[in-house]
Amino acid sequence: MRQPKGFTLTELLISVAIIGIISSIAIPMYSEQIAKTSRKDAQGALLQFQNAMERYYAEQSPYTYRGAGASGDDTGSPGIFSTEAPLHGTDKYYDLKITAASSTTYTLSAVPKNRQDDDRCGTLTVNNTGEKTSDDTNCW
């Protein structure tokens, strides 16, 4: 008599259970890494934006430059830098904004959108003194 070939139902169910357990751990970790990568792109873009503001200040003196904000004020979408992050690629996960500006100070923000909407760090900000803030203290 020949030995039966193949897997028993018990072996198959154990394999499916193991795959389920591994997936329940790996998928959330992968999702967090994707969010962290997008967040790092936004942080890098904010620092480049900050450099652009400093270059503008060195050339033009005040930080106020009549930005693209409502009624020509100095806040809103930047006129001297990209309006979205990451800077390269077609998928954008943050809007870059000037949220406060005076002749000697500014605050820049990266506001999450699309898949980053529910990111635990929320809006990332940096100001003219280099102070970095976010909704969660462990994001910078």
Protein backbone atom coordinates (compact mmCIF):
# COMPACT_ATOMS: atom_id res chain seq x y z
CA MET A 1 0.00 0.00 0.00
CA ARG A 2 1.25 3.46 -0.92
CA GLN A 3 1.72 6.28 1.55
CA PRO A 4 -0.72 9.17 1.01
CA LYS A 5 0.88 12.32 -0.41
CA GLY A 6 0.11 15.91 0.56
CA PHE A 7 -0.79 17.82 3.68
CA THR A 8 -3.36 16.90 6.25
CA LEU A 9 -6.06 19.39 7.16
CA THR A 10 -4.43 19.94 10.55
CA GLU A 11 -1.07 20.81 8.97
CA LEU A 12 -2.76 23.20 6.56
CA LEU A 13 -4.70 24.95 9.37
CA ILE A 14 -1.54 25.34 11.45
CA SER A 15 0.25 26.87 8.46
CA VAL A 16 -2.61 29.32 7.86
CA ALA A 17 -2.63 30.28 11.56
CA ILE A 18 1.13 30.93 11.54
CA ILE A 19 0.84 33.07 8.40
CA GLY A 20 -2.01 35.01 10.04
CA ILE A 21 0.03 35.68 13.17
CA ILE A 22 3.06 36.82 11.19
CA SER A 23 0.87 39.06 9.01
CA SER A 24 -0.83 40.64 12.01
CA ILE A 25 2.60 41.72 13.26
CA ALA A 26 4.29 42.59 9.96
CA ILE A 27 1.58 44.67 8.25
CA PRO A 28 1.25 47.31 11.03
CA MET A 29 5.04 47.54 11.30
CA TYR A 30 5.31 48.03 7.53
CA SER A 31 2.58 50.70 7.59
CA GLU A 32 4.40 52.59 10.37
CA GLN A 33 7.64 52.48 8.38
CA ILE A 34 5.87 53.92 5.32
CA ALA A 35 4.43 56.73 7.47
CA LYS A 36 7.83 57.36 9.06
CA THR A 37 9.47 57.61 5.63
CA SER A 38 6.88 60.13 4.43
CA ARG A 39 7.33 62.08 7.67
CA LYS A 40 11.11 62.20 7.13
CA ASP A 41 10.50 63.53 3.60
CA ALA A 42 8.35 66.31 5.07
CA GLN A 43 10.94 67.12 7.73
CA GLY A 44 13.64 67.36 5.08
CA ALA A 45 11.42 69.58 2.93
CA LEU A 46 10.70 71.84 5.93
CA LEU A 47 14.42 72.26 6.60
CA GLN A 48 15.04 73.08 2.93
CA PHE A 49 12.13 75.53 3.10
CA GLN A 50 13.73 77.07 6.19
CA ASN A 51 16.98 77.47 4.22
CA ALA A 52 15.05 79.16 1.40
CA MET A 53 13.53 81.59 3.92
CA GLU A 54 16.97 82.38 5.32
CA ARG A 55 18.38 82.94 1.82
CA TYR A 56 15.44 85.21 1.07
CA TYR A 57 16.06 87.14 4.30
CA ALA A 58 19.76 87.55 3.46
CA GLU A 59 18.89 88.93 0.01
CA GLN A 60 15.70 90.89 0.72
CA SER A 61 15.97 91.65 4.47
CA PRO A 62 12.49 91.03 5.97
CA TYR A 63 10.90 87.57 5.95
CA THR A 64 7.65 89.12 4.79
CA TYR A 65 7.61 88.80 1.05
CA ARG A 66 3.94 89.06 0.15
CA GLY A 67 3.30 85.34 0.03
CA ALA A 68 0.47 83.58 -1.66
CA GLY A 69 -1.89 83.85 1.31
CA ALA A 70 -5.41 85.24 1.21
CA SER A 71 -5.56 88.94 0.26
CA GLY A 72 -1.83 89.09 -0.39
CA ASP A 73 -0.72 88.57 3.20
CA ASP A 74 2.52 86.88 4.15
CA THR A 75 1.17 83.48 5.07
CA GLY A 76 -0.28 80.56 3.13
CA SER A 77 1.37 78.69 0.28
CA PRO A 78 5.00 79.64 -0.19
CA GLY A 79 6.02 81.64 -3.23
CA ILE A 80 9.74 80.89 -2.87
CA PHE A 81 9.53 77.12 -2.33
CA SER A 82 7.48 74.05 -3.23
CA THR A 83 3.97 73.86 -1.80
CA GLU A 84 4.01 70.07 -1.21
CA ALA A 85 6.24 67.30 0.11
CA PRO A 86 7.93 65.09 -0.83
CA LEU A 87 9.62 67.45 -3.25
CA HIS A 88 10.11 64.76 -5.89
CA GLY A 89 7.61 62.23 -7.19
CA THR A 90 3.91 62.43 -7.92
CA ASP A 91 2.42 61.27 -4.60
CA LYS A 92 2.31 64.17 -2.14
CA TYR A 93 1.62 63.61 1.57
CA TYR A 94 2.17 67.06 3.13
CA ASP A 95 1.21 70.64 2.27
CA LEU A 96 3.96 73.13 3.06
CA LYS A 97 2.73 76.45 4.43
CA ILE A 98 3.93 79.64 6.03
CA THR A 99 1.68 79.79 9.09
CA ALA A 100 3.12 82.96 10.64
CA ALA A 101 5.47 85.65 9.35
CA SER A 102 6.70 89.05 10.41
CA SER A 103 9.70 91.08 9.33
CA THR A 104 11.99 89.10 11.67
CA THR A 105 10.21 85.81 12.40
CA TYR A 106 8.36 83.00 10.64
CA THR A 107 6.77 79.63 11.32
CA LEU A 108 6.65 76.97 8.61
CA SER A 109 4.30 73.98 8.70
CA ALA A 110 3.97 70.64 6.96
CA VAL A 111 0.28 69.69 7.14
CA PRO A 112 -0.43 65.98 6.51
CA LYS A 113 -2.79 64.90 3.75
CA ASN A 114 -3.74 61.77 1.81
CA ARG A 115 -2.33 58.63 3.48
CA GLN A 116 -0.63 60.74 6.18
CA ASP A 117 -3.94 62.22 7.40
CA ASP A 118 -4.04 59.87 10.38
CA ASP A 119 -0.32 60.05 11.18
CA ARG A 120 0.28 60.27 14.93
CA CYS A 121 2.69 63.20 14.49
CA GLY A 122 0.14 65.47 12.82
CA THR A 123 1.39 68.87 11.65
CA LEU A 124 5.14 69.38 11.74
CA THR A 125 6.44 72.93 12.32
CA VAL A 126 9.75 74.76 12.41
CA ASN A 127 10.37 78.44 13.11
CA ASN A 128 13.13 80.95 12.42
CA THR A 129 15.00 79.98 15.60
CA GLY A 130 15.07 76.31 14.55
CA GLU A 131 12.49 75.19 17.12
CA LYS A 132 10.77 72.06 15.81
CA THR A 133 7.37 70.95 17.04
CA SER A 134 4.66 68.42 16.20
CA ASP A 135 1.51 66.95 17.73
CA ASP A 136 3.62 64.11 19.21
CA THR A 137 6.84 64.97 21.04
CA ASN A 138 8.83 62.07 19.53
CA CYS A 139 8.46 62.99 15.87
CA TRP A 140 11.51 65.15 15.22
